[in-house]
């Protein structure tokens, strides 16, 4: 990825209207918009189109974390890529190399195909909870997931800022790291366990920081976005 860190804003508000109102407030900024389960299940493709209508230059990250058998994942990935309005989507690294490779092979000839990332360890996990599921420490398992992802031809991973540099050192400096759980100026962590601020993210060569609550809970979201962008 290039040298400048990108800001990706989570659209996690309770209604499409609230999300769209927020996006209208920040429509002049060069940012990515993250659309997750709640918004996509409720508001569908039309919501993605409504976002692009506010500013066609917005980039959309569809955060659905596909995880299934290889063919089913590839079918879903193909449909997402064919939308023509999604700039990035993600899968789960724990689906395995075959599934991730199948996804990449399936979408390789689609014009303007989106970037694809794989989720390593959710930032809501602390090490103990992660170990209970994967029987390994976060750092070593995230590194292994990242290597699998890299081998599969996927563009990068979703990880915490704490794993970003280690992952790049074990794959490639061009391998994208997108990091949720960012509290730009040390705000409250909420339900995230492994949170980081902007200087730490920069130090660890994070490509995308994902910020939600600190922006949409602010009385002046555009002011916060401007402050984040000037700091990255």
C-alpha atoms as a PDB file:
ATOM      1  CA  UNK A   1       0.000   0.000   0.000  1.00  0.00           C
ATOM      2  CA  UNK A   2       1.190   3.606  -0.253  1.00  0.00           C
ATOM      3  CA  UNK A   3       2.756   5.580   2.572  1.00  0.00           C
ATOM      4  CA  UNK A   4      -0.268   7.537   3.675  1.00  0.00           C
ATOM      5  CA  UNK A   5      -2.545   5.884   6.170  1.00  0.00           C
ATOM      6  CA  UNK A   6      -6.225   5.901   5.190  1.00  0.00           C
ATOM      7  CA  UNK A   7      -9.200   6.547   7.426  1.00  0.00           C
ATOM      8  CA  UNK A   8     -12.094   4.099   7.233  1.00  0.00           C
ATOM      9  CA  UNK A   9     -15.258   5.153   9.058  1.00  0.00           C
ATOM     10  CA  UNK A  10     -17.611   2.520  10.522  1.00  0.00           C
ATOM     11  CA  UNK A  11     -21.248   3.117   9.695  1.00  0.00           C
ATOM     12  CA  UNK A  12     -22.719   1.335  12.708  1.00  0.00           C
ATOM     13  CA  UNK A  13     -25.659   3.565  13.543  1.00  0.00           C
ATOM     14  CA  UNK A  14     -29.141   2.107  14.248  1.00  0.00           C
ATOM     15  CA  UNK A  15     -30.810   3.343  11.035  1.00  0.00           C
ATOM     16  CA  UNK A  16     -29.897   3.983   7.406  1.00  0.00           C
ATOM     17  CA  UNK A  17     -31.033   7.588   7.848  1.00  0.00           C
ATOM     18  CA  UNK A  18     -28.615   8.202  10.730  1.00  0.00           C
ATOM     19  CA  UNK A  19     -25.744   6.656   8.764  1.00  0.00           C
ATOM     20  CA  UNK A  20     -26.572   8.708   5.664  1.00  0.00           C
ATOM     21  CA  UNK A  21     -26.903  11.906   7.712  1.00  0.00           C
ATOM     22  CA  UNK A  22     -23.449  11.247   9.171  1.00  0.00           C
ATOM     23  CA  UNK A  23     -21.993  10.630   5.720  1.00  0.00           C
ATOM     24  CA  UNK A  24     -23.540  13.862   4.387  1.00  0.00           C
ATOM     25  CA  UNK A  25     -21.771  15.727   7.188  1.00  0.00           C
ATOM     26  CA  UNK A  26     -18.398  14.366   6.113  1.00  0.00           C
ATOM     27  CA  UNK A  27     -19.037  14.250   2.374  1.00  0.00           C
ATOM     28  CA  UNK A  28     -16.094  16.467   1.408  1.00  0.00           C
ATOM     29  CA  UNK A  29     -13.429  14.271   2.997  1.00  0.00           C
ATOM     30  CA  UNK A  30     -11.330  11.638   1.264  1.00  0.00           C
ATOM     31  CA  UNK A  31     -12.308   8.623   3.382  1.00  0.00           C
ATOM     32  CA  UNK A  32     -13.409   5.007   3.168  1.00  0.00           C
ATOM     33  CA  UNK A  33     -16.781   3.907   4.558  1.00  0.00           C
ATOM     34  CA  UNK A  34     -17.157   0.557   6.310  1.00  0.00           C
ATOM     35  CA  UNK A  35     -20.529  -1.137   5.912  1.00  0.00           C
ATOM     36  CA  UNK A  36     -20.987  -4.130   8.217  1.00  0.00           C
ATOM     37  CA  UNK A  37     -23.554  -6.839   8.884  1.00  0.00           C
ATOM     38  CA  UNK A  38     -26.208  -4.715  10.509  1.00  0.00           C
ATOM     39  CA  UNK A  39     -26.369  -2.036   7.821  1.00  0.00           C
ATOM     40  CA  UNK A  40     -26.012  -4.417   4.892  1.00  0.00           C
ATOM     41  CA  UNK A  41     -28.580  -6.934   6.144  1.00  0.00           C
ATOM     42  CA  UNK A  42     -31.046  -4.140   6.856  1.00  0.00           C
ATOM     43  CA  UNK A  43     -30.384  -1.753   3.971  1.00  0.00           C
ATOM     44  CA  UNK A  44     -28.797  -3.903   1.255  1.00  0.00           C
ATOM     45  CA  UNK A  45     -27.220  -2.847  -1.982  1.00  0.00           C
ATOM     46  CA  UNK A  46     -29.380   0.264  -2.178  1.00  0.00           C
ATOM     47  CA  UNK A  47     -27.564   1.640   0.875  1.00  0.00           C
ATOM     48  CA  UNK A  48     -24.215   1.256  -0.922  1.00  0.00           C
ATOM     49  CA  UNK A  49     -25.654   3.113  -3.907  1.00  0.00           C
ATOM     50  CA  UNK A  50     -26.995   5.865  -1.623  1.00  0.00           C
ATOM     51  CA  UNK A  51     -23.510   6.313  -0.134  1.00  0.00           C
ATOM     52  CA  UNK A  52     -21.910   6.663  -3.565  1.00  0.00           C
ATOM     53  CA  UNK A  53     -24.656   9.114  -4.550  1.00  0.00           C
ATOM     54  CA  UNK A  54     -23.568  11.437  -1.721  1.00  0.00           C
ATOM     55  CA  UNK A  55     -20.001  11.467  -3.054  1.00  0.00           C
ATOM     56  CA  UNK A  56     -18.933   9.121  -5.888  1.00  0.00           C
ATOM     57  CA  UNK A  57     -15.339   9.348  -4.637  1.00  0.00           C
ATOM     58  CA  UNK A  58     -16.163   7.592  -1.368  1.00  0.00           C
ATOM     59  CA  UNK A  59     -14.601   4.138  -1.222  1.00  0.00           C
ATOM     60  CA  UNK A  60     -16.726   1.361   0.259  1.00  0.00           C
ATOM     61  CA  UNK A  61     -15.429  -1.478   2.413  1.00  0.00           C
ATOM     62  CA  UNK A  62     -18.082  -4.203   2.753  1.00  0.00           C
ATOM     63  CA  UNK A  63     -17.265  -5.902   6.034  1.00  0.00           C
ATOM     64  CA  UNK A  64     -19.113  -9.251   5.904  1.00  0.00           C
ATOM     65  CA  UNK A  65     -16.196 -11.586   6.817  1.00  0.00           C
ATOM     66  CA  UNK A  66     -17.167 -14.391   4.446  1.00  0.00           C
ATOM     67  CA  UNK A  67     -16.562 -17.786   6.018  1.00  0.00           C
ATOM     68  CA  UNK A  68     -17.882 -20.975   4.437  1.00  0.00           C
ATOM     69  CA  UNK A  69     -16.797 -23.799   2.154  1.00  0.00           C
ATOM     70  CA  UNK A  70     -14.523 -22.590  -0.689  1.00  0.00           C
ATOM     71  CA  UNK A  71     -17.133 -22.609  -3.460  1.00  0.00           C
ATOM     72  CA  UNK A  72     -19.787 -20.841  -1.414  1.00  0.00           C
ATOM     73  CA  UNK A  73     -17.281 -18.149  -0.410  1.00  0.00           C
ATOM     74  CA  UNK A  74     -16.221 -17.710  -4.040  1.00  0.00           C
ATOM     75  CA  UNK A  75     -19.873 -17.456  -5.164  1.00  0.00           C
ATOM     76  CA  UNK A  76     -20.524 -14.703  -2.611  1.00  0.00           C
ATOM     77  CA  UNK A  77     -17.262 -12.922  -3.467  1.00  0.00           C
ATOM     78  CA  UNK A  78     -18.181 -12.941  -7.154  1.00  0.00           C
ATOM     79  CA  UNK A  79     -21.565 -11.362  -6.441  1.00  0.00           C
ATOM     80  CA  UNK A  80     -19.921  -8.645  -4.315  1.00  0.00           C
ATOM     81  CA  UNK A  81     -17.323  -7.927  -7.008  1.00  0.00           C
ATOM     82  CA  UNK A  82     -20.040  -7.733  -9.667  1.00  0.00           C
ATOM     83  CA  UNK A  83     -21.856  -4.984  -7.728  1.00  0.00           C
ATOM     84  CA  UNK A  84     -19.270  -2.631  -9.194  1.00  0.00           C
ATOM     85  CA  UNK A  85     -19.579  -0.301  -6.184  1.00  0.00           C
ATOM     86  CA  UNK A  86     -17.624  -2.167  -3.513  1.00  0.00           C
ATOM     87  CA  UNK A  87     -13.944  -1.210  -3.325  1.00  0.00           C
ATOM     88  CA  UNK A  88     -12.912  -3.733  -0.687  1.00  0.00           C
ATOM     89  CA  UNK A  89     -14.447  -6.713   1.136  1.00  0.00           C
ATOM     90  CA  UNK A  90     -13.194  -9.362   3.518  1.00  0.00           C
ATOM     91  CA  UNK A  91     -13.167 -13.065   4.279  1.00  0.00           C
ATOM     92  CA  UNK A  92     -12.047 -15.082   7.314  1.00  0.00           C
ATOM     93  CA  UNK A  93      -8.465 -16.369   7.211  1.00  0.00           C
ATOM     94  CA  UNK A  94      -9.528 -19.373   9.281  1.00  0.00           C
ATOM     95  CA  UNK A  95     -11.492 -20.610   6.240  1.00  0.00           C
ATOM     96  CA  UNK A  96      -8.062 -21.744   5.016  1.00  0.00           C
ATOM     97  CA  UNK A  97      -5.743 -21.365   2.033  1.00  0.00           C
ATOM     98  CA  UNK A  98      -7.925 -23.323  -0.387  1.00  0.00           C
ATOM     99  CA  UNK A  99     -10.975 -21.164   0.294  1.00  0.00           C
ATOM    100  CA  UNK A 100      -9.022 -17.886   0.059  1.00  0.00           C
ATOM    101  CA  UNK A 101      -7.280 -18.966  -3.163  1.00  0.00           C
ATOM    102  CA  UNK A 102     -10.625 -20.029  -4.647  1.00  0.00           C
ATOM    103  CA  UNK A 103     -12.075 -16.582  -3.899  1.00  0.00           C
ATOM    104  CA  UNK A 104      -9.154 -14.807  -5.582  1.00  0.00           C
ATOM    105  CA  UNK A 105      -9.209 -17.088  -8.594  1.00  0.00           C
ATOM    106  CA  UNK A 106     -12.949 -16.563  -9.047  1.00  0.00           C
ATOM    107  CA  UNK A 107     -12.830 -12.765  -9.104  1.00  0.00           C
ATOM    108  CA  UNK A 108      -9.511 -12.292 -10.922  1.00  0.00           C
ATOM    109  CA  UNK A 109     -11.038 -11.316 -14.287  1.00  0.00           C
ATOM    110  CA  UNK A 110     -13.812  -9.085 -12.978  1.00  0.00           C
ATOM    111  CA  UNK A 111     -13.156  -5.482 -14.106  1.00  0.00           C
ATOM    112  CA  UNK A 112     -12.186  -3.116 -11.250  1.00  0.00           C
ATOM    113  CA  UNK A 113     -12.271  -6.017  -8.810  1.00  0.00           C
ATOM    114  CA  UNK A 114     -12.292  -4.978  -5.166  1.00  0.00           C
ATOM    115  CA  UNK A 115      -9.385  -5.383  -2.784  1.00  0.00           C
ATOM    116  CA  UNK A 116      -9.801  -8.458  -0.594  1.00  0.00           C
ATOM    117  CA  UNK A 117      -8.663  -8.724   3.019  1.00  0.00           C
ATOM    118  CA  UNK A 118      -8.753 -11.652   5.446  1.00  0.00           C
ATOM    119  CA  UNK A 119      -9.627 -11.366   9.123  1.00  0.00           C
ATOM    120  CA  UNK A 120      -6.918 -12.778  11.411  1.00  0.00           C
ATOM    121  CA  UNK A 121      -8.015 -12.233  15.032  1.00  0.00           C
ATOM    122  CA  UNK A 122     -11.004 -10.077  15.943  1.00  0.00           C
ATOM    123  CA  UNK A 123      -9.970  -7.079  18.048  1.00  0.00           C
ATOM    124  CA  UNK A 124     -12.645  -7.973  20.619  1.00  0.00           C
ATOM    125  CA  UNK A 125     -10.495 -10.975  21.620  1.00  0.00           C
ATOM    126  CA  UNK A 126      -7.947 -10.710  24.367  1.00  0.00           C
ATOM    127  CA  UNK A 127      -5.257 -13.405  24.354  1.00  0.00           C
ATOM    128  CA  UNK A 128      -7.042 -15.697  26.820  1.00  0.00           C
ATOM    129  CA  UNK A 129     -10.341 -15.716  24.921  1.00  0.00           C
ATOM    130  CA  UNK A 130      -8.515 -16.162  21.613  1.00  0.00           C
ATOM    131  CA  UNK A 131      -6.533 -19.091  22.989  1.00  0.00           C
ATOM    132  CA  UNK A 132      -9.735 -20.775  24.150  1.00  0.00           C
ATOM    133  CA  UNK A 133     -10.920 -20.865  20.517  1.00  0.00           C
ATOM    134  CA  UNK A 134      -7.688 -21.324  18.530  1.00  0.00           C
ATOM    135  CA  UNK A 135      -5.461 -23.000  21.122  1.00  0.00           C
ATOM    136  CA  UNK A 136      -2.622 -20.606  20.326  1.00  0.00           C
ATOM    137  CA  UNK A 137      -1.479 -17.090  21.258  1.00  0.00           C
ATOM    138  CA  UNK A 138      -2.855 -14.222  19.184  1.00  0.00           C
ATOM    139  CA  UNK A 139       0.523 -13.008  17.908  1.00  0.00           C
ATOM    140  CA  UNK A 140       1.751 -16.334  16.560  1.00  0.00           C
ATOM    141  CA  UNK A 141      -1.627 -17.378  15.147  1.00  0.00           C
ATOM    142  CA  UNK A 142      -2.269 -13.971  13.535  1.00  0.00           C
ATOM    143  CA  UNK A 143       1.177 -14.239  11.918  1.00  0.00           C
ATOM    144  CA  UNK A 144       0.337 -17.709  10.579  1.00  0.00           C
ATOM    145  CA  UNK A 145      -3.066 -16.548   9.297  1.00  0.00           C
ATOM    146  CA  UNK A 146      -1.338 -13.620   7.568  1.00  0.00           C
ATOM    147  CA  UNK A 147       1.198 -15.911   5.890  1.00  0.00           C
ATOM    148  CA  UNK A 148      -1.642 -18.162   4.674  1.00  0.00           C
ATOM    149  CA  UNK A 149      -3.474 -15.109   3.394  1.00  0.00           C
ATOM    150  CA  UNK A 150      -0.391 -13.804   1.578  1.00  0.00           C
ATOM    151  CA  UNK A 151       0.216 -17.194  -0.078  1.00  0.00           C
ATOM    152  CA  UNK A 152      -3.433 -17.234  -1.205  1.00  0.00           C
ATOM    153  CA  UNK A 153      -2.973 -14.035  -3.218  1.00  0.00           C
ATOM    154  CA  UNK A 154      -5.216 -11.950  -0.977  1.00  0.00           C
ATOM    155  CA  UNK A 155      -4.319  -8.242  -0.698  1.00  0.00           C
ATOM    156  CA  UNK A 156      -3.976  -7.955   3.067  1.00  0.00           C
ATOM    157  CA  UNK A 157      -5.429  -8.642   6.470  1.00  0.00           C
ATOM    158  CA  UNK A 158      -7.676  -7.236   9.148  1.00  0.00           C
ATOM    159  CA  UNK A 159      -5.664  -7.315  12.356  1.00  0.00           C
ATOM    160  CA  UNK A 160      -4.975  -5.174  15.402  1.00  0.00           C
ATOM    161  CA  UNK A 161      -2.362  -2.440  15.218  1.00  0.00           C
ATOM    162  CA  UNK A 162      -0.297  -4.548  17.637  1.00  0.00           C
ATOM    163  CA  UNK A 163       0.194  -7.238  14.972  1.00  0.00           C
ATOM    164  CA  UNK A 164       0.573  -4.961  11.932  1.00  0.00           C
ATOM    165  CA  UNK A 165       4.347  -4.600  11.789  1.00  0.00           C
ATOM    166  CA  UNK A 166       5.044  -8.230  12.675  1.00  0.00           C
ATOM    167  CA  UNK A 167       2.682  -9.306   9.880  1.00  0.00           C
ATOM    168  CA  UNK A 168       4.354  -7.035   7.317  1.00  0.00           C
ATOM    169  CA  UNK A 169       7.783  -8.282   8.392  1.00  0.00           C
ATOM    170  CA  UNK A 170       6.605 -11.861   7.826  1.00  0.00           C
ATOM    171  CA  UNK A 171       4.857 -11.230   4.491  1.00  0.00           C
ATOM    172  CA  UNK A 172       5.643  -8.006   2.628  1.00  0.00           C
ATOM    173  CA  UNK A 173       5.656  -4.286   3.409  1.00  0.00           C
ATOM    174  CA  UNK A 174       3.086  -3.879   0.593  1.00  0.00           C
ATOM    175  CA  UNK A 175       0.730  -6.347   2.277  1.00  0.00           C
ATOM    176  CA  UNK A 176      -2.217  -4.254   3.509  1.00  0.00           C
ATOM    177  CA  UNK A 177      -3.081  -4.079   7.201  1.00  0.00           C
ATOM    178  CA  UNK A 178      -6.474  -2.682   8.164  1.00  0.00           C
ATOM    179  CA  UNK A 179      -6.865  -2.160  11.891  1.00  0.00           C
ATOM    180  CA  UNK A 180     -10.170  -1.771  13.743  1.00  0.00           C
ATOM    181  CA  UNK A 181     -10.403  -0.707  17.364  1.00  0.00           C
ATOM    182  CA  UNK A 182      -8.585   2.570  16.779  1.00  0.00           C
ATOM    183  CA  UNK A 183      -9.208   5.264  19.342  1.00  0.00           C
ATOM    184  CA  UNK A 184      -7.449   8.128  17.552  1.00  0.00           C
ATOM    185  CA  UNK A 185      -6.860  10.292  20.612  1.00  0.00           C
ATOM    186  CA  UNK A 186      -7.046   7.701  23.402  1.00  0.00           C
ATOM    187  CA  UNK A 187     -10.860   7.622  23.755  1.00  0.00           C
ATOM    188  CA  UNK A 188     -12.722   4.920  25.697  1.00  0.00           C
ATOM    189  CA  UNK A 189     -12.147   1.400  24.327  1.00  0.00           C
ATOM    190  CA  UNK A 190     -15.811   0.262  24.478  1.00  0.00           C
ATOM    191  CA  UNK A 191     -16.088  -3.450  23.579  1.00  0.00           C
ATOM    192  CA  UNK A 192     -12.664  -3.609  21.942  1.00  0.00           C
ATOM    193  CA  UNK A 193      -9.815  -5.228  23.875  1.00  0.00           C
ATOM    194  CA  UNK A 194      -6.774  -4.343  21.767  1.00  0.00           C
ATOM    195  CA  UNK A 195      -7.029  -0.656  20.930  1.00  0.00           C
ATOM    196  CA  UNK A 196      -4.409   1.772  19.636  1.00  0.00           C
ATOM    197  CA  UNK A 197      -4.080   5.465  18.851  1.00  0.00           C
ATOM    198  CA  UNK A 198      -2.806   7.214  15.694  1.00  0.00           C
ATOM    199  CA  UNK A 199       0.917   7.543  16.581  1.00  0.00           C
ATOM    200  CA  UNK A 200       1.081   3.841  17.486  1.00  0.00           C
ATOM    201  CA  UNK A 201      -0.704   2.915  14.241  1.00  0.00           C
ATOM    202  CA  UNK A 202       1.737   5.014  12.223  1.00  0.00           C
ATOM    203  CA  UNK A 203       4.731   3.462  13.952  1.00  0.00           C
ATOM    204  CA  UNK A 204       3.405   0.027  13.097  1.00  0.00           C
ATOM    205  CA  UNK A 205       2.854   0.896   9.427  1.00  0.00           C
ATOM    206  CA  UNK A 206      -0.923   0.418   9.497  1.00  0.00           C
ATOM    207  CA  UNK A 207      -2.511   1.142   6.078  1.00  0.00           C
ATOM    208  CA  UNK A 208      -6.122   1.659   7.176  1.00  0.00           C
ATOM    209  CA  UNK A 209      -7.376   2.742  10.579  1.00  0.00           C
ATOM    210  CA  UNK A 210     -11.024   1.991  11.298  1.00  0.00           C
ATOM    211  CA  UNK A 211     -12.781   4.503  13.527  1.00  0.00           C
ATOM    212  CA  UNK A 212     -16.425   4.405  14.562  1.00  0.00           C
ATOM    213  CA  UNK A 213     -17.682   5.676  17.918  1.00  0.00           C
ATOM    214  CA  UNK A 214     -15.154   8.533  18.336  1.00  0.00           C
ATOM    215  CA  UNK A 215     -16.593   9.994  15.098  1.00  0.00           C
ATOM    216  CA  UNK A 216     -20.305   9.222  15.196  1.00  0.00           C
ATOM    217  CA  UNK A 217     -20.724   9.907  18.908  1.00  0.00           C
ATOM    218  CA  UNK A 218     -19.061  13.326  18.565  1.00  0.00           C
ATOM    219  CA  UNK A 219     -21.196  16.455  18.592  1.00  0.00           C
ATOM    220  CA  UNK A 220     -19.317  17.597  15.489  1.00  0.00           C
ATOM    221  CA  UNK A 221     -18.245  14.513  13.486  1.00  0.00           C
ATOM    222  CA  UNK A 222     -16.673  16.467  10.628  1.00  0.00           C
ATOM    223  CA  UNK A 223     -14.393  18.257  13.085  1.00  0.00           C
ATOM    224  CA  UNK A 224     -13.174  14.902  14.436  1.00  0.00           C
ATOM    225  CA  UNK A 225     -12.649  13.538  10.900  1.00  0.00           C
ATOM    226  CA  UNK A 226     -10.660  16.639   9.977  1.00  0.00           C
ATOM    227  CA  UNK A 227      -8.533  16.286  13.118  1.00  0.00           C
ATOM    228  CA  UNK A 228      -7.843  12.594  12.392  1.00  0.00           C
ATOM    229  CA  UNK A 229      -6.917  13.297   8.777  1.00  0.00           C
ATOM    230  CA  UNK A 230      -4.557  16.093   9.765  1.00  0.00           C
ATOM    231  CA  UNK A 231      -2.867  13.690  12.199  1.00  0.00           C
ATOM    232  CA  UNK A 232      -2.402  10.879   9.704  1.00  0.00           C
END
